[in-house]
Amino acid sequence: QVQLVESGGGLVQPGGSLRLSCAASGIISRIYSMGWYRQAPGKQRELVAVSSKVGSTNYAASVKGRFTISRDNAKNTVYLQMDSLKPEDTAVYYCNAERGEVYWGQGTQVIVSS
């Protein structure tokens, strides 16, 4: 059974930082493309960042230069370091694993507010 479990969300002030983690079980994450998506209230889910199985990365224009995706294949975990957070980054963040089939985590809430 595949499980993706996110953690690290919370409330942070504008300009602050958070680090999200996604622990995968039931799959060998190194052979999957792993990514982070987010969904704000009333909006569609959107790609934030993705790390391919060969290590290339891609970011949404809105987070480029502020967010960094990384992965520790030995721990079957992918991370999202979020710096210089803005109120518009407020959303539920979802971890994603793809290799033909697609798996999703349950999401972790990030609120950026003063």
PDB file of N, CA and C in Angstrom:
ATOM      1  N   GLN A   1       0.849  -1.193   0.000  1.00  0.00           N
ATOM      2  CA  GLN A   1       0.000   0.000   0.000  1.00  0.00           C
ATOM      3  C   GLN A   1       0.883   1.240   0.000  1.00  0.00           C
ATOM      4  N   VAL A   2       0.614   2.133  -0.937  1.00  0.00           N
ATOM      5  CA  VAL A   2       1.417   3.343  -1.064  1.00  0.00           C
ATOM      6  C   VAL A   2       0.865   4.423  -0.144  1.00  0.00           C
ATOM      7  N   GLN A   3       1.770   5.050   0.593  1.00  0.00           N
ATOM      8  CA  GLN A   3       1.383   6.184   1.427  1.00  0.00           C
ATOM      9  C   GLN A   3       2.393   7.301   1.268  1.00  0.00           C
ATOM     10  N   LEU A   4       1.870   8.521   1.138  1.00  0.00           N
ATOM     11  CA  LEU A   4       2.687   9.725   1.157  1.00  0.00           C
ATOM     12  C   LEU A   4       2.184  10.557   2.323  1.00  0.00           C
ATOM     13  N   VAL A   5       3.054  10.856   3.283  1.00  0.00           N
ATOM     14  CA  VAL A   5       2.654  11.571   4.484  1.00  0.00           C
ATOM     15  C   VAL A   5       3.428  12.873   4.582  1.00  0.00           C
ATOM     16  N   GLU A   6       2.698  13.983   4.451  1.00  0.00           N
ATOM     17  CA  GLU A   6       3.315  15.303   4.532  1.00  0.00           C
ATOM     18  C   GLU A   6       3.359  15.785   5.978  1.00  0.00           C
ATOM     19  N   SER A   7       4.318  16.631   6.263  1.00  0.00           N
ATOM     20  CA  SER A   7       4.420  17.279   7.561  1.00  0.00           C
ATOM     21  C   SER A   7       5.173  18.592   7.404  1.00  0.00           C
ATOM     22  N   GLY A   8       5.097  19.438   8.431  1.00  0.00           N
ATOM     23  CA  GLY A   8       5.872  20.668   8.428  1.00  0.00           C
ATOM     24  C   GLY A   8       5.076  21.932   8.154  1.00  0.00           C
ATOM     25  N   GLY A   9       3.803  21.795   7.852  1.00  0.00           N
ATOM     26  CA  GLY A   9       2.994  22.983   7.622  1.00  0.00           C
ATOM     27  C   GLY A   9       2.722  23.744   8.909  1.00  0.00           C
ATOM     28  N   GLY A  10       2.127  24.918   8.765  1.00  0.00           N
ATOM     29  CA  GLY A  10       1.802  25.709   9.937  1.00  0.00           C
ATOM     30  C   GLY A  10       1.564  27.155   9.586  1.00  0.00           C
ATOM     31  N   LEU A  11       1.556  27.983  10.624  1.00  0.00           N
ATOM     32  CA  LEU A  11       1.349  29.422  10.487  1.00  0.00           C
ATOM     33  C   LEU A  11       2.698  30.119  10.559  1.00  0.00           C
ATOM     34  N   VAL A  12       2.954  30.990   9.607  1.00  0.00           N
ATOM     35  CA  VAL A  12       4.215  31.719   9.575  1.00  0.00           C
ATOM     36  C   VAL A  12       3.943  33.142   9.109  1.00  0.00           C
ATOM     37  N   GLN A  13       4.764  34.067   9.578  1.00  0.00           N
ATOM     38  CA  GLN A  13       4.617  35.458   9.167  1.00  0.00           C
ATOM     39  C   GLN A  13       5.205  35.672   7.781  1.00  0.00           C
ATOM     40  N   PRO A  14       4.726  36.684   7.066  1.00  0.00           N
ATOM     41  CA  PRO A  14       5.328  37.006   5.764  1.00  0.00           C
ATOM     42  C   PRO A  14       6.834  37.223   5.911  1.00  0.00           C
ATOM     43  N   GLY A  15       7.579  36.689   4.947  1.00  0.00           N
ATOM     44  CA  GLY A  15       9.029  36.756   5.000  1.00  0.00           C
ATOM     45  C   GLY A  15       9.673  35.591   5.713  1.00  0.00           C
ATOM     46  N   GLY A  16       8.868  34.780   6.374  1.00  0.00           N
ATOM     47  CA  GLY A  16       9.396  33.645   7.112  1.00  0.00           C
ATOM     48  C   GLY A  16       9.648  32.428   6.244  1.00  0.00           C
ATOM     49  N   SER A  17      10.031  31.343   6.917  1.00  0.00           N
ATOM     50  CA  SER A  17      10.381  30.107   6.217  1.00  0.00           C
ATOM     51  C   SER A  17       9.678  28.915   6.850  1.00  0.00           C
ATOM     52  N   LEU A  18       9.448  27.909   6.021  1.00  0.00           N
ATOM     53  CA  LEU A  18       8.954  26.614   6.469  1.00  0.00           C
ATOM     54  C   LEU A  18       9.625  25.543   5.623  1.00  0.00           C
ATOM     55  N   ARG A  19       9.742  24.351   6.201  1.00  0.00           N
ATOM     56  CA  ARG A  19      10.256  23.207   5.466  1.00  0.00           C
ATOM     57  C   ARG A  19       9.227  22.089   5.542  1.00  0.00           C
ATOM     58  N   LEU A  20       8.709  21.731   4.392  1.00  0.00           N
ATOM     59  CA  LEU A  20       7.765  20.618   4.320  1.00  0.00           C
ATOM     60  C   LEU A  20       8.507  19.327   4.023  1.00  0.00           C
ATOM     61  N   SER A  21       8.003  18.241   4.592  1.00  0.00           N
ATOM     62  CA  SER A  21       8.556  16.923   4.337  1.00  0.00           C
ATOM     63  C   SER A  21       7.458  15.996   3.837  1.00  0.00           C
ATOM     64  N   CYS A  22       7.836  15.050   2.994  1.00  0.00           N
ATOM     65  CA  CYS A  22       6.911  14.043   2.510  1.00  0.00           C
ATOM     66  C   CYS A  22       7.607  12.693   2.571  1.00  0.00           C
ATOM     67  N   ALA A  23       7.142  11.861   3.484  1.00  0.00           N
ATOM     68  CA  ALA A  23       7.710  10.533   3.644  1.00  0.00           C
ATOM     69  C   ALA A  23       6.883   9.533   2.850  1.00  0.00           C
ATOM     70  N   ALA A  24       7.550   8.793   1.975  1.00  0.00           N
ATOM     71  CA  ALA A  24       6.864   7.813   1.128  1.00  0.00           C
ATOM     72  C   ALA A  24       7.084   6.405   1.654  1.00  0.00           C
ATOM     73  N   SER A  25       6.043   5.603   1.595  1.00  0.00           N
ATOM     74  CA  SER A  25       6.167   4.188   1.916  1.00  0.00           C
ATOM     75  C   SER A  25       5.385   3.397   0.876  1.00  0.00           C
ATOM     76  N   GLY A  26       5.829   2.183   0.653  1.00  0.00           N
ATOM     77  CA  GLY A  26       5.169   1.344  -0.338  1.00  0.00           C
ATOM     78  C   GLY A  26       5.676   1.556  -1.752  1.00  0.00           C
ATOM     79  N   ILE A  27       6.577   2.512  -1.934  1.00  0.00           N
ATOM     80  CA  ILE A  27       7.208   2.737  -3.237  1.00  0.00           C
ATOM     81  C   ILE A  27       8.681   3.007  -3.005  1.00  0.00           C
ATOM     82  N   ILE A  28       9.455   2.851  -4.063  1.00  0.00           N
ATOM     83  CA  ILE A  28      10.863   3.241  -4.023  1.00  0.00           C
ATOM     84  C   ILE A  28      10.939   4.614  -4.663  1.00  0.00           C
ATOM     85  N   SER A  29      11.013   5.648  -3.843  1.00  0.00           N
ATOM     86  CA  SER A  29      10.820   7.009  -4.346  1.00  0.00           C
ATOM     87  C   SER A  29      11.855   7.402  -5.392  1.00  0.00           C
ATOM     88  N   ARG A  30      13.026   6.768  -5.376  1.00  0.00           N
ATOM     89  CA  ARG A  30      14.071   7.209  -6.310  1.00  0.00           C
ATOM     90  C   ARG A  30      13.703   6.923  -7.755  1.00  0.00           C
ATOM     91  N   ILE A  31      12.739   6.037  -7.989  1.00  0.00           N
ATOM     92  CA  ILE A  31      12.362   5.751  -9.371  1.00  0.00           C
ATOM     93  C   ILE A  31      11.081   6.489  -9.767  1.00  0.00           C
ATOM     94  N   TYR A  32      10.654   7.374  -8.883  1.00  0.00           N
ATOM     95  CA  TYR A  32       9.471   8.172  -9.145  1.00  0.00           C
ATOM     96  C   TYR A  32       9.834   9.638  -9.312  1.00  0.00           C
ATOM     97  N   SER A  33       9.072  10.336 -10.129  1.00  0.00           N
ATOM     98  CA  SER A  33       9.076  11.784 -10.096  1.00  0.00           C
ATOM     99  C   SER A  33       8.283  12.200  -8.857  1.00  0.00           C
ATOM    100  N   MET A  34       8.881  13.068  -8.054  1.00  0.00           N
ATOM    101  CA  MET A  34       8.246  13.512  -6.805  1.00  0.00           C
ATOM    102  C   MET A  34       8.019  15.013  -6.885  1.00  0.00           C
ATOM    103  N   GLY A  35       6.871  15.446  -6.442  1.00  0.00           N
ATOM    104  CA  GLY A  35       6.580  16.863  -6.560  1.00  0.00           C
ATOM    105  C   GLY A  35       5.708  17.391  -5.449  1.00  0.00           C
ATOM    106  N   TRP A  36       5.584  18.693  -5.438  1.00  0.00           N
ATOM    107  CA  TRP A  36       4.701  19.404  -4.512  1.00  0.00           C
ATOM    108  C   TRP A  36       3.707  20.230  -5.319  1.00  0.00           C
ATOM    109  N   TYR A  37       2.454  20.142  -4.918  1.00  0.00           N
ATOM    110  CA  TYR A  37       1.384  20.938  -5.490  1.00  0.00           C
ATOM    111  C   TYR A  37       0.715  21.691  -4.345  1.00  0.00           C
ATOM    112  N   ARG A  38      -0.067  22.697  -4.693  1.00  0.00           N
ATOM    113  CA  ARG A  38      -0.814  23.409  -3.663  1.00  0.00           C
ATOM    114  C   ARG A  38      -2.184  23.813  -4.190  1.00  0.00           C
ATOM    115  N   GLN A  39      -3.096  23.972  -3.251  1.00  0.00           N
ATOM    116  CA  GLN A  39      -4.447  24.401  -3.603  1.00  0.00           C
ATOM    117  C   GLN A  39      -4.919  25.420  -2.584  1.00  0.00           C
ATOM    118  N   ALA A  40      -5.146  26.633  -3.062  1.00  0.00           N
ATOM    119  CA  ALA A  40      -5.671  27.702  -2.225  1.00  0.00           C
ATOM    120  C   ALA A  40      -7.191  27.668  -2.279  1.00  0.00           C
ATOM    121  N   PRO A  41      -7.859  28.227  -1.286  1.00  0.00           N
ATOM    122  CA  PRO A  41      -9.325  28.226  -1.271  1.00  0.00           C
ATOM    123  C   PRO A  41      -9.896  28.845  -2.542  1.00  0.00           C
ATOM    124  N   GLY A  42     -10.811  28.129  -3.167  1.00  0.00           N
ATOM    125  CA  GLY A  42     -11.472  28.636  -4.363  1.00  0.00           C
ATOM    126  C   GLY A  42     -10.642  28.559  -5.626  1.00  0.00           C
ATOM    127  N   LYS A  43      -9.470  27.924  -5.542  1.00  0.00           N
ATOM    128  CA  LYS A  43      -8.594  27.843  -6.710  1.00  0.00           C
ATOM    129  C   LYS A  43      -8.292  26.392  -7.046  1.00  0.00           C
ATOM    130  N   GLN A  44      -7.815  26.182  -8.271  1.00  0.00           N
ATOM    131  CA  GLN A  44      -7.427  24.838  -8.684  1.00  0.00           C
ATOM    132  C   GLN A  44      -6.068  24.471  -8.099  1.00  0.00           C
ATOM    133  N   ARG A  45      -5.862  23.173  -7.971  1.00  0.00           N
ATOM    134  CA  ARG A  45      -4.556  22.692  -7.534  1.00  0.00           C
ATOM    135  C   ARG A  45      -3.521  23.029  -8.597  1.00  0.00           C
ATOM    136  N   GLU A  46      -2.343  23.509  -8.150  1.00  0.00           N
ATOM    137  CA  GLU A  46      -1.308  23.915  -9.092  1.00  0.00           C
ATOM    138  C   GLU A  46       0.039  23.321  -8.700  1.00  0.00           C
ATOM    139  N   LEU A  47       0.864  23.114  -9.709  1.00  0.00           N
ATOM    140  CA  LEU A  47       2.206  22.607  -9.474  1.00  0.00           C
ATOM    141  C   LEU A  47       3.049  23.683  -8.797  1.00  0.00           C
ATOM    142  N   VAL A  48       3.800  23.283  -7.782  1.00  0.00           N
ATOM    143  CA  VAL A  48       4.747  24.186  -7.119  1.00  0.00           C
ATOM    144  C   VAL A  48       6.171  23.848  -7.555  1.00  0.00           C
ATOM    145  N   ALA A  49       6.539  22.579  -7.414  1.00  0.00           N
ATOM    146  CA  ALA A  49       7.894  22.155  -7.757  1.00  0.00           C
ATOM    147  C   ALA A  49       7.891  20.655  -7.986  1.00  0.00           C
ATOM    148  N   VAL A  50       8.788  20.207  -8.858  1.00  0.00           N
ATOM    149  CA  VAL A  50       8.889  18.788  -9.144  1.00  0.00           C
ATOM    150  C   VAL A  50      10.354  18.402  -9.272  1.00  0.00           C
ATOM    151  N   SER A  51      10.672  17.197  -8.791  1.00  0.00           N
ATOM    152  CA  SER A  51      12.012  16.636  -8.902  1.00  0.00           C
ATOM    153  C   SER A  51      11.898  15.319  -9.649  1.00  0.00           C
ATOM    154  N   SER A  52      12.530  15.238 -10.818  1.00  0.00           N
ATOM    155  CA  SER A  52      12.442  14.012 -11.605  1.00  0.00           C
ATOM    156  C   SER A  52      13.309  12.918 -10.987  1.00  0.00           C
ATOM    157  N   LYS A  53      13.124  11.690 -11.457  1.00  0.00           N
ATOM    158  CA  LYS A  53      13.902  10.577 -10.914  1.00  0.00           C
ATOM    159  C   LYS A  53      15.384  10.689 -11.258  1.00  0.00           C
ATOM    160  N   VAL A  54      15.726  11.513 -12.242  1.00  0.00           N
ATOM    161  CA  VAL A  54      17.131  11.722 -12.573  1.00  0.00           C
ATOM    162  C   VAL A  54      17.682  12.986 -11.915  1.00  0.00           C
ATOM    163  N   GLY A  55      16.847  13.664 -11.111  1.00  0.00           N
ATOM    164  CA  GLY A  55      17.345  14.772 -10.315  1.00  0.00           C
ATOM    165  C   GLY A  55      17.106  16.159 -10.868  1.00  0.00           C
ATOM    166  N   SER A  56      16.543  16.262 -12.058  1.00  0.00           N
ATOM    167  CA  SER A  56      16.238  17.599 -12.564  1.00  0.00           C
ATOM    168  C   SER A  56      15.045  18.165 -11.806  1.00  0.00           C
ATOM    169  N   THR A  57      14.990  19.489 -11.726  1.00  0.00           N
ATOM    170  CA  THR A  57      13.923  20.155 -10.986  1.00  0.00           C
ATOM    171  C   THR A  57      13.237  21.200 -11.855  1.00  0.00           C
ATOM    172  N   ASN A  58      12.003  21.476 -11.482  1.00  0.00           N
ATOM    173  CA  ASN A  58      11.238  22.500 -12.184  1.00  0.00           C
ATOM    174  C   ASN A  58      10.352  23.195 -11.168  1.00  0.00           C
ATOM    175  N   TYR A  59      10.174  24.500 -11.324  1.00  0.00           N
ATOM    176  CA  TYR A  59       9.417  25.291 -10.363  1.00  0.00           C
ATOM    177  C   TYR A  59       8.381  26.156 -11.056  1.00  0.00           C
ATOM    178  N   ALA A  60       7.303  26.410 -10.345  1.00  0.00           N
ATOM    179  CA  ALA A  60       6.357  27.409 -10.811  1.00  0.00           C
ATOM    180  C   ALA A  60       7.043  28.771 -10.773  1.00  0.00           C
ATOM    181  N   ALA A  61       6.683  29.625 -11.702  1.00  0.00           N
ATOM    182  CA  ALA A  61       7.310  30.950 -11.790  1.00  0.00           C
ATOM    183  C   ALA A  61       7.116  31.730 -10.491  1.00  0.00           C
ATOM    184  N   SER A  62       5.985  31.514  -9.844  1.00  0.00           N
ATOM    185  CA  SER A  62       5.657  32.295  -8.647  1.00  0.00           C
ATOM    186  C   SER A  62       6.526  31.941  -7.442  1.00  0.00           C
ATOM    187  N   VAL A  63       7.206  30.793  -7.477  1.00  0.00           N
ATOM    188  CA  VAL A  63       8.017  30.387  -6.326  1.00  0.00           C
ATOM    189  C   VAL A  63       9.504  30.277  -6.661  1.00  0.00           C
ATOM    190  N   LYS A  64       9.840  30.413  -7.916  1.00  0.00           N
ATOM    191  CA  LYS A  64      11.238  30.262  -8.336  1.00  0.00           C
ATOM    192  C   LYS A  64      12.117  31.265  -7.597  1.00  0.00           C
ATOM    193  N   GLY A  65      13.221  30.765  -7.058  1.00  0.00           N
ATOM    194  CA  GLY A  65      14.126  31.620  -6.298  1.00  0.00           C
ATOM    195  C   GLY A  65      13.795  31.718  -4.826  1.00  0.00           C
ATOM    196  N   ARG A  66      12.605  31.239  -4.438  1.00  0.00           N
ATOM    197  CA  ARG A  66      12.203  31.274  -3.027  1.00  0.00           C
ATOM    198  C   ARG A  66      12.045  29.863  -2.447  1.00  0.00           C
ATOM    199  N   PHE A  67      11.617  28.926  -3.276  1.00  0.00           N
ATOM    200  CA  PHE A  67      11.377  27.550  -2.823  1.00  0.00           C
ATOM    201  C   PHE A  67      12.436  26.628  -3.427  1.00  0.00           C
ATOM    202  N   THR A  68      12.771  25.589  -2.671  1.00  0.00           N
ATOM    203  CA  THR A  68      13.739  24.605  -3.143  1.00  0.00           C
ATOM    204  C   THR A  68      13.227  23.200  -2.836  1.00  0.00           C
ATOM    205  N   ILE A  69      13.139  22.373  -3.874  1.00  0.00           N
ATOM    206  CA  ILE A  69      12.751  20.978  -3.688  1.00  0.00           C
ATOM    207  C   ILE A  69      14.012  20.122  -3.620  1.00  0.00           C
ATOM    208  N   SER A  70      14.004  19.162  -2.726  1.00  0.00           N
ATOM    209  CA  SER A  70      15.136  18.244  -2.623  1.00  0.00           C
ATOM    210  C   SER A  70      14.608  16.881  -2.191  1.00  0.00           C
ATOM    211  N   ARG A  71      15.440  15.872  -2.340  1.00  0.00           N
ATOM    212  CA  ARG A  71      14.999  14.534  -1.979  1.00  0.00           C
ATOM    213  C   ARG A  71      16.141  13.755  -1.348  1.00  0.00           C
ATOM    214  N   ASP A  72      15.790  12.923  -0.407  1.00  0.00           N
ATOM    215  CA  ASP A  72      16.741  12.007   0.220  1.00  0.00           C
ATOM    216  C   ASP A  72      16.234  10.607  -0.097  1.00  0.00           C
ATOM    217  N   ASN A  73      16.788  10.007  -1.124  1.00  0.00           N
ATOM    218  CA  ASN A  73      16.286   8.709  -1.571  1.00  0.00           C
ATOM    219  C   ASN A  73      16.530   7.614  -0.531  1.00  0.00           C
ATOM    220  N   ALA A  74      17.573   7.773   0.258  1.00  0.00           N
ATOM    221  CA  ALA A  74      17.840   6.779   1.303  1.00  0.00           C
ATOM    222  C   ALA A  74      16.724   6.765   2.347  1.00  0.00           C
ATOM    223  N   LYS A  75      16.105   7.933   2.550  1.00  0.00           N
ATOM    224  CA  LYS A  75      15.003   8.038   3.521  1.00  0.00           C
ATOM    225  C   LYS A  75      13.641   8.004   2.841  1.00  0.00           C
ATOM    226  N   ASN A  76      13.628   7.852   1.508  1.00  0.00           N
ATOM    227  CA  ASN A  76      12.357   7.839   0.778  1.00  0.00           C
ATOM    228  C   ASN A  76      11.539   9.097   1.074  1.00  0.00           C
ATOM    229  N   THR A  77      12.226  10.235   1.122  1.00  0.00           N
ATOM    230  CA  THR A  77      11.592  11.484   1.549  1.00  0.00           C
ATOM    231  C   THR A  77      11.932  12.599   0.574  1.00  0.00           C
ATOM    232  N   VAL A  78      10.952  13.461   0.320  1.00  0.00           N
ATOM    233  CA  VAL A  78      11.160  14.660  -0.484  1.00  0.00           C
ATOM    234  C   VAL A  78      10.806  15.865   0.382  1.00  0.00           C
ATOM    235  N   TYR A  79      11.527  16.941   0.180  1.00  0.00           N
ATOM    236  CA  TYR A  79      11.369  18.144   0.996  1.00  0.00           C
ATOM    237  C   TYR A  79      11.021  19.334   0.113  1.00  0.00           C
ATOM    238  N   LEU A  80      10.412  20.333   0.731  1.00  0.00           N
ATOM    239  CA  LEU A  80      10.195  21.615   0.080  1.00  0.00           C
ATOM    240  C   LEU A  80      10.582  22.705   1.073  1.00  0.00           C
ATOM    241  N   GLN A  81      11.724  23.335   0.820  1.00  0.00           N
ATOM    242  CA  GLN A  81      12.160  24.464   1.636  1.00  0.00           C
ATOM    243  C   GLN A  81      11.524  25.720   1.068  1.00  0.00           C
ATOM    244  N   MET A  82      10.773  26.409   1.899  1.00  0.00           N
ATOM    245  CA  MET A  82      10.045  27.595   1.458  1.00  0.00           C
ATOM    246  C   MET A  82      10.563  28.798   2.230  1.00  0.00           C
ATOM    247  N   ASP A  83      11.185  29.722   1.525  1.00  0.00           N
ATOM    248  CA  ASP A  83      11.729  30.947   2.117  1.00  0.00           C
ATOM    249  C   ASP A  83      11.001  32.164   1.565  1.00  0.00           C
ATOM    250  N   SER A  84      11.157  33.280   2.251  1.00  0.00           N
ATOM    251  CA  SER A  84      10.538  34.541   1.822  1.00  0.00           C
ATOM    252  C   SER A  84       9.057  34.343   1.525  1.00  0.00           C
ATOM    253  N   LEU A  85       8.367  33.697   2.430  1.00  0.00           N
ATOM    254  CA  LEU A  85       6.967  33.361   2.202  1.00  0.00           C
ATOM    255  C   LEU A  85       6.097  34.607   2.121  1.00  0.00           C
ATOM    256  N   LYS A  86       5.083  34.510   1.266  1.00  0.00           N
ATOM    257  CA  LYS A  86       4.144  35.602   1.028  1.00  0.00           C
ATOM    258  C   LYS A  86       2.729  35.137   1.380  1.00  0.00           C
ATOM    259  N   PRO A  87       1.845  36.068   1.683  1.00  0.00           N
ATOM    260  CA  PRO A  87       0.457  35.667   1.984  1.00  0.00           C
ATOM    261  C   PRO A  87      -0.162  34.838   0.859  1.00  0.00           C
ATOM    262  N   GLU A  88       0.218  35.110  -0.375  1.00  0.00           N
ATOM    263  CA  GLU A  88      -0.342  34.361  -1.499  1.00  0.00           C
ATOM    264  C   GLU A  88       0.180  32.930  -1.586  1.00  0.00           C
ATOM    265  N   ASP A  89       1.123  32.562  -0.740  1.00  0.00           N
ATOM    266  CA  ASP A  89       1.567  31.175  -0.656  1.00  0.00           C
ATOM    267  C   ASP A  89       0.655  30.340   0.235  1.00  0.00           C
ATOM    268  N   THR A  90      -0.287  30.992   0.880  1.00  0.00           N
ATOM    269  CA  THR A  90      -1.229  30.273   1.743  1.00  0.00           C
ATOM    270  C   THR A  90      -2.032  29.264   0.935  1.00  0.00           C
ATOM    271  N   ALA A  91      -1.990  28.007   1.359  1.00  0.00           N
ATOM    272  CA  ALA A  91      -2.669  26.931   0.631  1.00  0.00           C
ATOM    273  C   ALA A  91      -2.470  25.622   1.386  1.00  0.00           C
ATOM    274  N   VAL A  92      -3.173  24.605   0.930  1.00  0.00           N
ATOM    275  CA  VAL A  92      -2.865  23.249   1.356  1.00  0.00           C
ATOM    276  C   VAL A  92      -1.846  22.694   0.364  1.00  0.00           C
ATOM    277  N   TYR A  93      -0.759  22.187   0.884  1.00  0.00           N
ATOM    278  CA  TYR A  93       0.328  21.663   0.056  1.00  0.00           C
ATOM    279  C   TYR A  93       0.264  20.139   0.031  1.00  0.00           C
ATOM    280  N   TYR A  94       0.316  19.589  -1.177  1.00  0.00           N
ATOM    281  CA  TYR A  94       0.206  18.155  -1.380  1.00  0.00           C
ATOM    282  C   TYR A  94       1.477  17.590  -1.996  1.00  0.00           C
ATOM    283  N   CYS A  95       1.888  16.459  -1.499  1.00  0.00           N
ATOM    284  CA  CYS A  95       2.996  15.711  -2.072  1.00  0.00           C
ATOM    285  C   CYS A  95       2.451  14.770  -3.153  1.00  0.00           C
ATOM    286  N   ASN A  96       3.244  14.555  -4.185  1.00  0.00           N
ATOM    287  CA  ASN A  96       2.819  13.772  -5.342  1.00  0.00           C
ATOM    288  C   ASN A  96       3.957  12.865  -5.786  1.00  0.00           C
ATOM    289  N   ALA A  97       3.621  11.644  -6.170  1.00  0.00           N
ATOM    290  CA  ALA A  97       4.599  10.719  -6.740  1.00  0.00           C
ATOM    291  C   ALA A  97       4.020  10.169  -8.032  1.00  0.00           C
ATOM    292  N   GLU A  98       4.810  10.199  -9.099  1.00  0.00           N
ATOM    293  CA  GLU A  98       4.324   9.748 -10.398  1.00  0.00           C
ATOM    294  C   GLU A  98       5.327   8.825 -11.073  1.00  0.00           C
ATOM    295  N   ARG A  99       4.797   7.737 -11.644  1.00  0.00           N
ATOM    296  CA  ARG A  99       5.587   6.850 -12.494  1.00  0.00           C
ATOM    297  C   ARG A  99       4.576   6.029 -13.278  1.00  0.00           C
ATOM    298  N   GLY A 100       3.878   6.738 -14.150  1.00  0.00           N
ATOM    299  CA  GLY A 100       2.718   6.112 -14.781  1.00  0.00           C
ATOM    300  C   GLY A 100       1.542   6.284 -13.841  1.00  0.00           C
ATOM    301  N   GLU A 101       1.528   5.499 -12.774  1.00  0.00           N
ATOM    302  CA  GLU A 101       0.514   5.709 -11.744  1.00  0.00           C
ATOM    303  C   GLU A 101       0.838   6.976 -10.942  1.00  0.00           C
ATOM    304  N   VAL A 102      -0.178   7.527 -10.318  1.00  0.00           N
ATOM    305  CA  VAL A 102      -0.025   8.778  -9.570  1.00  0.00           C
ATOM    306  C   VAL A 102      -0.530   8.571  -8.148  1.00  0.00           C
ATOM    307  N   TYR A 103       0.245   9.056  -7.191  1.00  0.00           N
ATOM    308  CA  TYR A 103      -0.146   8.974  -5.786  1.00  0.00           C
ATOM    309  C   TYR A 103      -0.105  10.360  -5.159  1.00  0.00           C
ATOM    310  N   TRP A 104      -1.001  10.574  -4.198  1.00  0.00           N
ATOM    311  CA  TRP A 104      -1.095  11.868  -3.510  1.00  0.00           C
ATOM    312  C   TRP A 104      -1.060  11.652  -1.999  1.00  0.00           C
ATOM    313  N   GLY A 105      -0.492  12.644  -1.310  1.00  0.00           N
ATOM    314  CA  GLY A 105      -0.604  12.674   0.135  1.00  0.00           C
ATOM    315  C   GLY A 105      -1.895  13.349   0.545  1.00  0.00           C
ATOM    316  N   GLN A 106      -2.071  13.458   1.863  1.00  0.00           N
ATOM    317  CA  GLN A 106      -3.331  14.017   2.376  1.00  0.00           C
ATOM    318  C   GLN A 106      -3.288  15.535   2.482  1.00  0.00           C
ATOM    319  N   GLY A 107      -2.115  16.111   2.357  1.00  0.00           N
ATOM    320  CA  GLY A 107      -1.973  17.561   2.383  1.00  0.00           C
ATOM    321  C   GLY A 107      -1.587  18.108   3.748  1.00  0.00           C
ATOM    322  N   THR A 108      -0.904  19.241   3.723  1.00  0.00           N
ATOM    323  CA  THR A 108      -0.550  19.953   4.958  1.00  0.00           C
ATOM    324  C   THR A 108      -0.806  21.445   4.729  1.00  0.00           C
ATOM    325  N   GLN A 109      -1.430  22.067   5.721  1.00  0.00           N
ATOM    326  CA  GLN A 109      -1.858  23.461   5.579  1.00  0.00           C
ATOM    327  C   GLN A 109      -0.691  24.406   5.854  1.00  0.00           C
ATOM    328  N   VAL A 110      -0.537  25.384   4.977  1.00  0.00           N
ATOM    329  CA  VAL A 110       0.425  26.471   5.178  1.00  0.00           C
ATOM    330  C   VAL A 110      -0.350  27.783   5.167  1.00  0.00           C
ATOM    331  N   ILE A 111      -0.188  28.556   6.234  1.00  0.00           N
ATOM    332  CA  ILE A 111      -0.841  29.857   6.326  1.00  0.00           C
ATOM    333  C   ILE A 111       0.231  30.907   6.545  1.00  0.00           C
ATOM    334  N   VAL A 112       0.266  31.877   5.651  1.00  0.00           N
ATOM    335  CA  VAL A 112       1.230  32.974   5.752  1.00  0.00           C
ATOM    336  C   VAL A 112       0.444  34.235   6.075  1.00  0.00           C
ATOM    337  N   SER A 113       0.605  34.703   7.303  1.00  0.00           N
ATOM    338  CA  SER A 113      -0.189  35.830   7.766  1.00  0.00           C
ATOM    339  C   SER A 113       0.501  36.514   8.931  1.00  0.00           C
ATOM    340  N   SER A 114       0.304  37.816   9.016  1.00  0.00           N
ATOM    341  CA  SER A 114       0.833  38.558  10.155  1.00  0.00           C
ATOM    342  C   SER A 114      -0.226  38.683  11.239  1.00  0.00           C
TER     343      SER A 114
END
